[in-house]
N, C-alpha and C. Protein backbone atom coordinates (compact mmCIF):
# COMPACT_ATOMS: atom_id res chain seq x y z
N MET A 1 17.45 -12.67 -24.16
CA MET A 1 16.75 -12.21 -25.34
C MET A 1 15.60 -13.15 -25.71
N LEU A 2 15.86 -14.48 -25.72
CA LEU A 2 14.81 -15.42 -26.07
C LEU A 2 13.64 -15.33 -25.09
N LEU A 3 13.94 -15.27 -23.81
CA LEU A 3 12.88 -15.17 -22.81
C LEU A 3 12.06 -13.90 -23.02
N GLU A 4 12.71 -12.81 -23.36
CA GLU A 4 12.00 -11.56 -23.66
C GLU A 4 11.09 -11.74 -24.87
N ASP A 5 11.59 -12.42 -25.91
CA ASP A 5 10.77 -12.70 -27.10
C ASP A 5 9.55 -13.52 -26.74
N LEU A 6 9.74 -14.55 -25.92
CA LEU A 6 8.63 -15.41 -25.54
C LEU A 6 7.60 -14.65 -24.72
N LYS A 7 8.06 -13.79 -23.82
CA LYS A 7 7.14 -12.99 -23.01
C LYS A 7 6.34 -12.01 -23.87
N LYS A 8 6.94 -11.50 -24.93
CA LYS A 8 6.25 -10.55 -25.82
C LYS A 8 5.02 -11.17 -26.46
N ILE A 9 5.10 -12.45 -26.79
CA ILE A 9 4.00 -13.08 -27.53
C ILE A 9 3.17 -14.03 -26.68
N GLU A 10 3.48 -14.13 -25.40
CA GLU A 10 2.81 -15.09 -24.52
C GLU A 10 1.28 -15.00 -24.62
N ASN A 11 0.73 -13.81 -24.69
CA ASN A 11 -0.73 -13.63 -24.71
C ASN A 11 -1.34 -13.84 -26.10
N GLU A 12 -0.50 -14.02 -27.10
CA GLU A 12 -0.98 -14.25 -28.47
C GLU A 12 -1.02 -15.74 -28.81
N ILE A 13 -0.60 -16.56 -27.86
CA ILE A 13 -0.45 -17.99 -28.14
C ILE A 13 -1.78 -18.71 -28.01
N GLY A 14 -2.03 -19.57 -28.98
CA GLY A 14 -3.23 -20.41 -28.99
C GLY A 14 -3.30 -21.11 -30.32
N TRP A 15 -3.63 -22.37 -30.30
CA TRP A 15 -3.64 -23.14 -31.54
C TRP A 15 -4.75 -22.67 -32.48
N GLY A 16 -5.88 -22.27 -31.93
CA GLY A 16 -7.02 -21.94 -32.77
C GLY A 16 -7.77 -23.19 -33.21
N LYS A 17 -7.14 -24.34 -33.04
CA LYS A 17 -7.72 -25.65 -33.35
C LYS A 17 -6.84 -26.69 -32.70
N ILE A 18 -7.22 -27.93 -32.77
CA ILE A 18 -6.40 -29.00 -32.19
C ILE A 18 -5.14 -29.16 -33.03
N GLN A 19 -3.99 -29.27 -32.35
CA GLN A 19 -2.75 -29.48 -33.08
C GLN A 19 -2.86 -30.78 -33.86
N ASN A 20 -2.39 -30.76 -35.11
CA ASN A 20 -2.51 -31.94 -35.95
C ASN A 20 -1.35 -32.02 -36.93
N LEU A 21 -1.11 -33.20 -37.45
CA LEU A 21 0.02 -33.42 -38.35
C LEU A 21 -0.10 -32.63 -39.64
N ASP A 22 -1.30 -32.46 -40.17
CA ASP A 22 -1.46 -31.72 -41.41
C ASP A 22 -1.00 -30.27 -41.24
N ASP A 23 -1.43 -29.63 -40.15
CA ASP A 23 -1.02 -28.25 -39.92
C ASP A 23 0.43 -28.16 -39.45
N ASP A 24 0.94 -29.22 -38.83
CA ASP A 24 2.35 -29.22 -38.42
C ASP A 24 3.27 -29.14 -39.64
N ARG A 25 2.87 -29.80 -40.73
CA ARG A 25 3.68 -29.74 -41.95
C ARG A 25 3.67 -28.30 -42.46
N GLY A 26 4.84 -27.79 -42.69
CA GLY A 26 4.95 -26.43 -43.21
C GLY A 26 5.02 -25.36 -42.13
N THR A 27 4.90 -25.75 -40.86
CA THR A 27 5.01 -24.76 -39.77
C THR A 27 6.13 -25.16 -38.80
N GLU A 28 7.14 -25.83 -39.31
CA GLU A 28 8.22 -26.31 -38.46
C GLU A 28 8.93 -25.15 -37.79
N PRO A 29 9.17 -25.27 -36.47
CA PRO A 29 9.81 -24.19 -35.73
C PRO A 29 11.34 -24.28 -35.70
N TYR A 30 11.89 -25.34 -36.25
CA TYR A 30 13.31 -25.62 -36.11
C TYR A 30 14.17 -24.57 -36.80
N GLY A 31 15.24 -24.16 -36.13
CA GLY A 31 16.18 -23.21 -36.71
C GLY A 31 15.77 -21.75 -36.56
N ILE A 32 14.61 -21.49 -36.02
CA ILE A 32 14.16 -20.11 -35.79
C ILE A 32 14.52 -19.77 -34.34
N MET A 33 15.52 -18.92 -34.17
CA MET A 33 16.08 -18.71 -32.84
C MET A 33 15.59 -17.43 -32.15
N SER A 34 14.82 -16.61 -32.83
CA SER A 34 14.33 -15.38 -32.21
C SER A 34 12.99 -15.00 -32.81
N LEU A 35 12.28 -14.12 -32.12
CA LEU A 35 11.01 -13.63 -32.63
C LEU A 35 11.22 -12.87 -33.93
N GLU A 36 12.32 -12.15 -34.02
CA GLU A 36 12.64 -11.43 -35.26
C GLU A 36 12.79 -12.40 -36.42
N ASP A 37 13.50 -13.51 -36.20
CA ASP A 37 13.65 -14.53 -37.24
C ASP A 37 12.29 -15.11 -37.63
N PHE A 38 11.44 -15.35 -36.62
CA PHE A 38 10.11 -15.88 -36.90
C PHE A 38 9.32 -14.91 -37.78
N GLU A 39 9.31 -13.63 -37.39
CA GLU A 39 8.55 -12.63 -38.14
C GLU A 39 9.08 -12.46 -39.56
N THR A 40 10.39 -12.56 -39.72
CA THR A 40 10.98 -12.47 -41.06
C THR A 40 10.52 -13.64 -41.93
N LYS A 41 10.54 -14.84 -41.34
CA LYS A 41 10.13 -16.03 -42.10
C LYS A 41 8.67 -15.97 -42.52
N TRP A 42 7.80 -15.43 -41.66
CA TRP A 42 6.37 -15.48 -41.89
C TRP A 42 5.76 -14.17 -42.39
N LYS A 43 6.56 -13.16 -42.68
CA LYS A 43 6.02 -11.84 -43.02
C LYS A 43 5.18 -11.81 -44.29
N ASN A 44 5.40 -12.72 -45.21
CA ASN A 44 4.64 -12.72 -46.47
C ASN A 44 3.46 -13.68 -46.48
N GLU A 45 3.20 -14.34 -45.36
CA GLU A 45 2.08 -15.29 -45.28
C GLU A 45 0.79 -14.52 -45.00
N SER A 46 -0.20 -14.70 -45.86
CA SER A 46 -1.47 -13.98 -45.71
C SER A 46 -2.48 -14.73 -44.84
N ASN A 47 -2.27 -16.02 -44.64
CA ASN A 47 -3.19 -16.81 -43.83
C ASN A 47 -2.88 -16.57 -42.35
N ILE A 48 -3.67 -15.72 -41.71
CA ILE A 48 -3.43 -15.33 -40.32
C ILE A 48 -3.49 -16.53 -39.38
N GLU A 49 -4.42 -17.45 -39.62
CA GLU A 49 -4.54 -18.64 -38.76
C GLU A 49 -3.30 -19.53 -38.86
N LYS A 50 -2.74 -19.63 -40.07
CA LYS A 50 -1.52 -20.42 -40.23
C LYS A 50 -0.36 -19.78 -39.47
N VAL A 51 -0.26 -18.45 -39.54
CA VAL A 51 0.79 -17.74 -38.81
C VAL A 51 0.60 -17.93 -37.30
N ARG A 52 -0.64 -17.83 -36.84
CA ARG A 52 -0.93 -18.04 -35.40
C ARG A 52 -0.52 -19.45 -34.97
N TYR A 53 -0.88 -20.42 -35.78
CA TYR A 53 -0.53 -21.81 -35.49
C TYR A 53 0.99 -21.97 -35.43
N ALA A 54 1.68 -21.41 -36.43
CA ALA A 54 3.15 -21.49 -36.48
C ALA A 54 3.78 -20.77 -35.29
N ARG A 55 3.23 -19.63 -34.88
CA ARG A 55 3.76 -18.88 -33.74
C ARG A 55 3.59 -19.69 -32.46
N THR A 56 2.43 -20.33 -32.31
CA THR A 56 2.19 -21.16 -31.13
C THR A 56 3.16 -22.34 -31.11
N ARG A 57 3.36 -22.94 -32.26
CA ARG A 57 4.31 -24.06 -32.36
C ARG A 57 5.72 -23.62 -32.00
N TRP A 58 6.13 -22.47 -32.54
CA TRP A 58 7.47 -21.96 -32.24
C TRP A 58 7.61 -21.65 -30.75
N PHE A 59 6.63 -20.97 -30.17
CA PHE A 59 6.63 -20.62 -28.75
C PHE A 59 6.78 -21.87 -27.89
N ARG A 60 5.95 -22.87 -28.15
CA ARG A 60 5.99 -24.09 -27.34
C ARG A 60 7.28 -24.88 -27.57
N TYR A 61 7.77 -24.88 -28.78
CA TYR A 61 9.03 -25.57 -29.10
C TYR A 61 10.18 -24.92 -28.33
N MET A 62 10.25 -23.60 -28.35
CA MET A 62 11.34 -22.92 -27.65
C MET A 62 11.23 -23.12 -26.13
N CYS A 63 10.01 -23.08 -25.59
CA CYS A 63 9.84 -23.36 -24.16
C CYS A 63 10.29 -24.77 -23.83
N ALA A 64 9.97 -25.73 -24.70
CA ALA A 64 10.36 -27.13 -24.47
C ALA A 64 11.88 -27.28 -24.53
N LYS A 65 12.53 -26.55 -25.42
CA LYS A 65 13.99 -26.61 -25.49
C LYS A 65 14.61 -26.09 -24.19
N ILE A 66 14.04 -25.02 -23.64
CA ILE A 66 14.52 -24.51 -22.36
C ILE A 66 14.26 -25.55 -21.27
N ASP A 67 13.08 -26.17 -21.29
CA ASP A 67 12.76 -27.21 -20.31
C ASP A 67 13.78 -28.36 -20.37
N GLU A 68 14.14 -28.78 -21.58
CA GLU A 68 15.15 -29.83 -21.73
C GLU A 68 16.46 -29.40 -21.07
N GLY A 69 16.82 -28.14 -21.27
CA GLY A 69 18.04 -27.61 -20.66
C GLY A 69 17.98 -27.65 -19.14
N LEU A 70 16.80 -27.44 -18.57
CA LEU A 70 16.64 -27.51 -17.11
C LEU A 70 16.93 -28.92 -16.59
N PHE A 71 16.51 -29.93 -17.34
CA PHE A 71 16.84 -31.30 -16.95
C PHE A 71 18.34 -31.52 -17.01
N CYS A 72 18.98 -30.99 -18.05
CA CYS A 72 20.43 -31.18 -18.20
C CYS A 72 21.20 -30.44 -17.12
N LYS A 73 20.66 -29.36 -16.59
CA LYS A 73 21.30 -28.67 -15.47
C LYS A 73 21.11 -29.44 -14.17
N ASN A 74 20.26 -30.46 -14.20
CA ASN A 74 19.96 -31.25 -13.01
C ASN A 74 20.31 -32.72 -13.17
N GLY A 75 21.37 -33.01 -13.91
CA GLY A 75 21.90 -34.37 -13.94
C GLY A 75 21.62 -35.17 -15.20
N ALA A 76 20.74 -34.72 -16.06
CA ALA A 76 20.50 -35.44 -17.32
C ALA A 76 21.59 -35.03 -18.32
N PHE A 77 21.83 -35.87 -19.32
CA PHE A 77 22.72 -35.42 -20.38
C PHE A 77 21.96 -35.42 -21.70
N ALA A 78 22.23 -34.37 -22.48
CA ALA A 78 21.50 -34.13 -23.72
C ALA A 78 21.91 -35.11 -24.80
N ASN A 79 20.96 -35.45 -25.65
CA ASN A 79 21.24 -36.24 -26.84
C ASN A 79 22.16 -35.40 -27.74
N PRO A 80 23.33 -35.91 -28.10
CA PRO A 80 24.22 -35.12 -28.97
C PRO A 80 23.66 -34.89 -30.36
N ASP A 81 22.72 -35.75 -30.78
CA ASP A 81 22.08 -35.61 -32.09
C ASP A 81 20.79 -34.81 -31.92
N LYS A 82 20.86 -33.50 -32.14
CA LYS A 82 19.72 -32.61 -31.92
C LYS A 82 18.54 -32.92 -32.83
N ARG A 83 18.77 -33.66 -33.91
CA ARG A 83 17.69 -33.98 -34.85
C ARG A 83 17.04 -35.34 -34.58
N ASP A 84 17.53 -36.05 -33.58
CA ASP A 84 16.99 -37.36 -33.23
C ASP A 84 15.58 -37.19 -32.65
N PRO A 85 14.56 -37.76 -33.28
CA PRO A 85 13.20 -37.58 -32.79
C PRO A 85 12.82 -38.50 -31.63
N TYR A 86 13.71 -39.41 -31.25
CA TYR A 86 13.33 -40.43 -30.28
C TYR A 86 13.71 -40.13 -28.84
N TRP A 87 14.75 -39.32 -28.61
CA TRP A 87 15.08 -38.98 -27.23
C TRP A 87 15.79 -37.63 -27.18
N ASP A 88 15.48 -36.90 -26.11
CA ASP A 88 16.04 -35.57 -25.91
C ASP A 88 17.19 -35.58 -24.92
N PHE A 89 17.06 -36.41 -23.88
CA PHE A 89 18.10 -36.50 -22.86
C PHE A 89 18.01 -37.85 -22.17
N CYS A 90 19.08 -38.18 -21.44
CA CYS A 90 19.14 -39.41 -20.67
C CYS A 90 19.21 -39.03 -19.20
N LEU A 91 18.33 -39.62 -18.40
CA LEU A 91 18.27 -39.35 -16.98
C LEU A 91 18.25 -40.68 -16.23
N ASN A 92 19.18 -40.86 -15.33
CA ASN A 92 19.28 -42.10 -14.55
C ASN A 92 19.33 -43.34 -15.45
N GLY A 93 20.04 -43.22 -16.55
CA GLY A 93 20.23 -44.36 -17.45
C GLY A 93 19.09 -44.62 -18.41
N VAL A 94 18.05 -43.79 -18.40
CA VAL A 94 16.90 -43.98 -19.29
C VAL A 94 16.83 -42.80 -20.27
N LYS A 95 16.72 -43.13 -21.55
CA LYS A 95 16.59 -42.09 -22.58
C LYS A 95 15.12 -41.68 -22.67
N TYR A 96 14.90 -40.35 -22.62
CA TYR A 96 13.53 -39.82 -22.63
C TYR A 96 13.33 -38.80 -23.74
N ASN A 97 12.12 -38.79 -24.24
CA ASN A 97 11.62 -37.73 -25.08
C ASN A 97 10.74 -36.88 -24.16
N LEU A 98 11.03 -35.58 -24.04
CA LEU A 98 10.27 -34.71 -23.16
C LEU A 98 9.09 -34.12 -23.91
N LYS A 99 7.92 -34.21 -23.32
CA LYS A 99 6.72 -33.60 -23.88
C LYS A 99 6.16 -32.61 -22.88
N SER A 100 6.21 -31.34 -23.23
CA SER A 100 5.60 -30.29 -22.41
C SER A 100 4.17 -30.14 -22.89
N THR A 101 3.22 -30.22 -21.96
CA THR A 101 1.82 -30.27 -22.36
C THR A 101 0.94 -29.66 -21.29
N ASP A 102 -0.37 -29.73 -21.49
CA ASP A 102 -1.35 -29.24 -20.54
C ASP A 102 -2.12 -30.42 -19.96
N LEU A 103 -2.71 -30.21 -18.78
CA LEU A 103 -3.54 -31.25 -18.18
C LEU A 103 -4.83 -31.36 -18.99
N PRO A 104 -5.15 -32.55 -19.50
CA PRO A 104 -6.37 -32.70 -20.29
C PRO A 104 -7.61 -32.46 -19.44
N SER A 105 -8.65 -31.95 -20.06
CA SER A 105 -9.89 -31.64 -19.34
C SER A 105 -10.55 -32.90 -18.78
N GLU A 106 -10.20 -34.08 -19.32
CA GLU A 106 -10.77 -35.32 -18.81
C GLU A 106 -10.31 -35.65 -17.40
N PHE A 107 -9.25 -35.01 -16.94
CA PHE A 107 -8.73 -35.27 -15.61
C PHE A 107 -9.04 -34.10 -14.69
N GLU A 108 -9.28 -34.45 -13.43
CA GLU A 108 -9.55 -33.41 -12.44
C GLU A 108 -8.33 -32.52 -12.29
N LYS A 109 -8.57 -31.32 -11.84
CA LYS A 109 -7.45 -30.44 -11.52
C LYS A 109 -6.68 -31.05 -10.36
N PRO A 110 -5.49 -30.59 -10.10
CA PRO A 110 -4.63 -31.22 -9.11
C PRO A 110 -5.26 -31.24 -7.73
N PRO A 111 -4.77 -32.11 -6.88
CA PRO A 111 -3.61 -32.94 -7.18
C PRO A 111 -3.96 -34.15 -8.03
N VAL A 112 -3.03 -34.51 -8.92
CA VAL A 112 -3.16 -35.75 -9.66
C VAL A 112 -2.64 -36.84 -8.73
N THR A 113 -3.47 -37.81 -8.44
CA THR A 113 -3.10 -38.85 -7.47
C THR A 113 -2.17 -39.87 -8.11
N TYR A 114 -1.58 -40.70 -7.28
CA TYR A 114 -0.69 -41.75 -7.75
C TYR A 114 -1.40 -42.62 -8.79
N ASN A 115 -2.64 -43.02 -8.51
CA ASN A 115 -3.37 -43.87 -9.45
C ASN A 115 -3.66 -43.15 -10.75
N GLN A 116 -3.99 -41.87 -10.67
CA GLN A 116 -4.25 -41.11 -11.89
C GLN A 116 -3.00 -40.93 -12.74
N ARG A 117 -1.84 -40.96 -12.12
CA ARG A 117 -0.59 -40.78 -12.85
C ARG A 117 -0.48 -41.83 -13.96
N GLY A 118 -0.74 -43.09 -13.62
CA GLY A 118 -0.70 -44.15 -14.63
C GLY A 118 -1.75 -43.96 -15.71
N GLU A 119 -2.96 -43.58 -15.31
CA GLU A 119 -4.03 -43.33 -16.27
C GLU A 119 -3.67 -42.17 -17.20
N LEU A 120 -3.08 -41.15 -16.63
CA LEU A 120 -2.71 -39.97 -17.40
C LEU A 120 -1.61 -40.30 -18.42
N ILE A 121 -0.65 -41.11 -18.03
CA ILE A 121 0.39 -41.54 -18.96
C ILE A 121 -0.23 -42.28 -20.14
N VAL A 122 -1.14 -43.21 -19.86
CA VAL A 122 -1.81 -43.94 -20.94
C VAL A 122 -2.58 -42.97 -21.82
N TRP A 123 -3.28 -42.01 -21.21
CA TRP A 123 -4.05 -41.03 -21.99
C TRP A 123 -3.13 -40.26 -22.93
N PHE A 124 -1.99 -39.78 -22.42
CA PHE A 124 -1.07 -39.02 -23.27
C PHE A 124 -0.54 -39.86 -24.43
N TYR A 125 -0.16 -41.10 -24.17
CA TYR A 125 0.34 -41.94 -25.25
C TYR A 125 -0.75 -42.18 -26.30
N ARG A 126 -1.96 -42.42 -25.85
CA ARG A 126 -3.03 -42.74 -26.80
C ARG A 126 -3.56 -41.51 -27.55
N HIS A 127 -3.52 -40.35 -26.93
CA HIS A 127 -4.12 -39.17 -27.55
C HIS A 127 -3.11 -38.19 -28.14
N GLN A 128 -1.88 -38.22 -27.68
CA GLN A 128 -0.89 -37.30 -28.22
C GLN A 128 0.19 -38.02 -29.00
N SER A 129 0.65 -39.13 -28.49
CA SER A 129 1.77 -39.82 -29.11
C SER A 129 1.37 -40.70 -30.27
N MET A 130 0.17 -41.23 -30.24
CA MET A 130 -0.26 -42.17 -31.28
C MET A 130 -0.26 -41.55 -32.66
N ARG A 131 -0.59 -40.27 -32.74
CA ARG A 131 -0.66 -39.66 -34.07
C ARG A 131 0.70 -39.63 -34.74
N LYS A 132 1.77 -39.75 -33.94
CA LYS A 132 3.11 -39.79 -34.51
C LYS A 132 3.65 -41.22 -34.54
N VAL A 133 2.88 -42.15 -34.02
CA VAL A 133 3.23 -43.56 -34.00
C VAL A 133 4.65 -43.77 -33.48
N MET A 134 4.93 -43.17 -32.34
CA MET A 134 6.22 -43.33 -31.70
C MET A 134 5.99 -43.86 -30.28
N TRP A 135 6.82 -44.78 -29.88
CA TRP A 135 6.63 -45.41 -28.57
C TRP A 135 7.85 -45.25 -27.69
N GLU A 136 8.59 -44.17 -27.85
CA GLU A 136 9.76 -43.96 -27.01
C GLU A 136 9.35 -43.65 -25.58
N ASN A 137 10.31 -43.76 -24.67
CA ASN A 137 10.07 -43.38 -23.28
C ASN A 137 9.83 -41.88 -23.22
N ARG A 138 8.89 -41.48 -22.39
CA ARG A 138 8.56 -40.06 -22.33
C ARG A 138 8.43 -39.58 -20.90
N LEU A 139 8.85 -38.33 -20.70
CA LEU A 139 8.50 -37.59 -19.50
C LEU A 139 7.55 -36.51 -19.94
N PHE A 140 6.39 -36.45 -19.30
CA PHE A 140 5.39 -35.43 -19.62
C PHE A 140 5.47 -34.34 -18.56
N LEU A 141 5.86 -33.15 -18.98
CA LEU A 141 5.90 -31.99 -18.11
C LEU A 141 4.57 -31.28 -18.29
N VAL A 142 3.68 -31.44 -17.31
CA VAL A 142 2.29 -31.00 -17.44
C VAL A 142 2.09 -29.65 -16.78
N HIS A 143 1.70 -28.67 -17.59
CA HIS A 143 1.46 -27.31 -17.10
C HIS A 143 0.00 -27.17 -16.70
N LEU A 144 -0.24 -26.71 -15.47
CA LEU A 144 -1.61 -26.52 -15.00
C LEU A 144 -2.14 -25.15 -15.39
N LYS A 145 -1.24 -24.19 -15.58
CA LYS A 145 -1.63 -22.84 -15.97
C LYS A 145 -0.75 -22.39 -17.13
N ASP A 146 -1.33 -21.64 -18.05
CA ASP A 146 -0.56 -21.15 -19.20
C ASP A 146 0.67 -20.36 -18.77
N GLU A 147 0.51 -19.54 -17.73
CA GLU A 147 1.63 -18.68 -17.31
C GLU A 147 2.81 -19.48 -16.77
N ASP A 148 2.59 -20.75 -16.41
CA ASP A 148 3.69 -21.57 -15.91
C ASP A 148 4.65 -22.02 -17.01
N ARG A 149 4.24 -21.90 -18.27
CA ARG A 149 5.15 -22.26 -19.37
C ARG A 149 6.42 -21.42 -19.33
N LEU A 150 6.28 -20.15 -18.92
CA LEU A 150 7.44 -19.26 -18.87
C LEU A 150 8.01 -19.10 -17.47
N ASN A 151 7.50 -19.85 -16.52
CA ASN A 151 8.01 -19.77 -15.16
C ASN A 151 9.14 -20.80 -14.99
N PHE A 152 10.28 -20.47 -15.58
CA PHE A 152 11.39 -21.43 -15.62
C PHE A 152 12.04 -21.61 -14.25
N LYS A 153 11.95 -20.63 -13.38
CA LYS A 153 12.46 -20.77 -12.01
C LYS A 153 11.65 -21.85 -11.28
N LYS A 154 10.32 -21.76 -11.38
CA LYS A 154 9.46 -22.76 -10.75
C LYS A 154 9.74 -24.15 -11.34
N LYS A 155 9.86 -24.22 -12.67
CA LYS A 155 10.12 -25.51 -13.31
C LYS A 155 11.49 -26.06 -12.91
N TYR A 156 12.49 -25.18 -12.82
CA TYR A 156 13.82 -25.62 -12.40
C TYR A 156 13.74 -26.27 -11.02
N ASP A 157 13.05 -25.63 -10.10
CA ASP A 157 12.94 -26.17 -8.74
C ASP A 157 12.22 -27.51 -8.72
N ILE A 158 11.14 -27.63 -9.49
CA ILE A 158 10.37 -28.88 -9.55
C ILE A 158 11.21 -29.99 -10.19
N ILE A 159 11.91 -29.65 -11.28
CA ILE A 159 12.74 -30.64 -11.97
C ILE A 159 13.90 -31.06 -11.08
N ARG A 160 14.48 -30.11 -10.36
CA ARG A 160 15.58 -30.44 -9.44
C ARG A 160 15.09 -31.43 -8.37
N GLU A 161 13.95 -31.14 -7.79
CA GLU A 161 13.39 -32.03 -6.77
C GLU A 161 13.10 -33.41 -7.37
N TYR A 162 12.56 -33.42 -8.58
CA TYR A 162 12.24 -34.69 -9.25
C TYR A 162 13.51 -35.51 -9.49
N THR A 163 14.56 -34.86 -10.00
CA THR A 163 15.78 -35.61 -10.32
C THR A 163 16.49 -36.10 -9.06
N LEU A 164 16.30 -35.40 -7.95
CA LEU A 164 16.93 -35.80 -6.68
C LEU A 164 16.14 -36.86 -5.92
N TYR A 165 14.80 -36.71 -5.90
CA TYR A 165 13.99 -37.50 -4.97
C TYR A 165 12.88 -38.33 -5.59
N GLY A 166 12.61 -38.19 -6.84
CA GLY A 166 11.46 -38.87 -7.41
C GLY A 166 10.36 -37.87 -7.68
N ASN A 167 9.15 -38.33 -7.72
CA ASN A 167 8.03 -37.47 -8.10
C ASN A 167 7.16 -37.18 -6.89
N PRO A 168 7.42 -36.09 -6.16
CA PRO A 168 6.62 -35.80 -4.98
C PRO A 168 5.23 -35.29 -5.35
N THR A 169 4.24 -35.86 -4.74
CA THR A 169 2.86 -35.41 -4.92
C THR A 169 2.18 -35.47 -3.56
N GLU A 170 1.43 -34.45 -3.26
CA GLU A 170 0.71 -34.39 -1.99
C GLU A 170 1.64 -34.64 -0.80
N GLY A 171 2.88 -34.11 -0.89
CA GLY A 171 3.78 -34.15 0.24
C GLY A 171 4.53 -35.46 0.45
N GLU A 172 4.42 -36.38 -0.48
CA GLU A 172 5.16 -37.63 -0.29
C GLU A 172 5.84 -38.04 -1.58
N VAL A 173 6.92 -38.76 -1.45
CA VAL A 173 7.62 -39.27 -2.63
C VAL A 173 6.88 -40.51 -3.10
N ILE A 174 6.45 -40.51 -4.35
CA ILE A 174 5.68 -41.65 -4.84
C ILE A 174 6.48 -42.51 -5.80
N GLY A 175 7.74 -42.21 -5.96
CA GLY A 175 8.57 -43.12 -6.72
C GLY A 175 9.12 -42.57 -8.01
N ARG A 176 9.66 -43.45 -8.76
CA ARG A 176 10.30 -43.14 -10.02
C ARG A 176 9.35 -43.44 -11.18
N PRO A 177 9.82 -43.21 -12.38
CA PRO A 177 8.96 -43.45 -13.55
C PRO A 177 8.35 -44.85 -13.57
N ILE A 178 7.24 -44.94 -14.24
CA ILE A 178 6.48 -46.17 -14.38
C ILE A 178 6.90 -46.86 -15.67
N THR A 179 7.20 -48.15 -15.59
CA THR A 179 7.40 -48.95 -16.80
C THR A 179 6.16 -49.80 -16.95
N THR A 180 5.51 -49.66 -18.10
CA THR A 180 4.23 -50.34 -18.31
C THR A 180 4.06 -50.70 -19.77
N GLU A 181 3.06 -51.52 -20.01
CA GLU A 181 2.71 -51.87 -21.39
C GLU A 181 1.50 -51.05 -21.80
N ILE A 182 1.62 -50.40 -22.95
CA ILE A 182 0.50 -49.65 -23.51
C ILE A 182 0.31 -50.12 -24.94
N ASP A 183 -0.83 -50.73 -25.19
CA ASP A 183 -1.16 -51.22 -26.52
C ASP A 183 -0.04 -52.07 -27.14
N GLY A 184 0.53 -52.94 -26.31
CA GLY A 184 1.54 -53.88 -26.79
C GLY A 184 2.96 -53.34 -26.80
N HIS A 185 3.18 -52.14 -26.31
CA HIS A 185 4.51 -51.53 -26.30
C HIS A 185 4.94 -51.28 -24.85
N ILE A 186 6.17 -51.64 -24.52
CA ILE A 186 6.71 -51.38 -23.18
C ILE A 186 7.35 -50.00 -23.19
N VAL A 187 6.92 -49.14 -22.28
CA VAL A 187 7.46 -47.79 -22.18
C VAL A 187 7.77 -47.46 -20.73
N THR A 188 8.74 -46.59 -20.54
CA THR A 188 9.04 -46.03 -19.23
C THR A 188 8.67 -44.56 -19.32
N SER A 189 7.82 -44.12 -18.38
CA SER A 189 7.29 -42.77 -18.50
C SER A 189 6.94 -42.23 -17.12
N ASP A 190 6.75 -40.91 -17.06
CA ASP A 190 6.30 -40.29 -15.83
C ASP A 190 5.65 -38.94 -16.15
N ILE A 191 4.95 -38.46 -15.16
CA ILE A 191 4.26 -37.17 -15.22
C ILE A 191 4.92 -36.26 -14.19
N ILE A 192 5.28 -35.06 -14.59
CA ILE A 192 5.78 -34.06 -13.66
C ILE A 192 4.84 -32.87 -13.77
N ILE A 193 4.17 -32.56 -12.67
CA ILE A 193 3.18 -31.48 -12.66
C ILE A 193 3.86 -30.16 -12.33
N VAL A 194 3.60 -29.15 -13.15
CA VAL A 194 4.13 -27.80 -12.91
C VAL A 194 2.98 -26.92 -12.48
């Protein structure tokens, strides 16, 4: 049912502007488990852009929750505290916050090389994570195409390969997550390209 709901609105998704903390306030997707619930909650809102923003947030949140489940089906264990903002699951002894995102325009289209992987991690922390001032370990699940957000079979296969063998790129295993210092904070992170 949820997947059907997400497919129904897939072509309506778009922020309309850059996601930001001001617009995030009041558009929380938590506790809305179906498109019907979403429409009921937002039916009296006259600001169409706010509804679009909230719908995009809900869509991406639900996709990310499914993505987290894919990791748990492949050896990770879920954080028992669903409201904990610092980690979603633990994989190979490391607690991670999963961020499903898009490849920034500043980076070339794939393949993302081993060297770019480190640069991309720094970019994500500085441009996406800084606004929330959180420095937890992160796995960035990077979607190259919008339609891949709902391609959970493809993501399952990629996540399975990642959890078994590391991060394959260009036909070779390039290793496990990177532990590095970013702006004075030590983080363990990686990029998984979908």
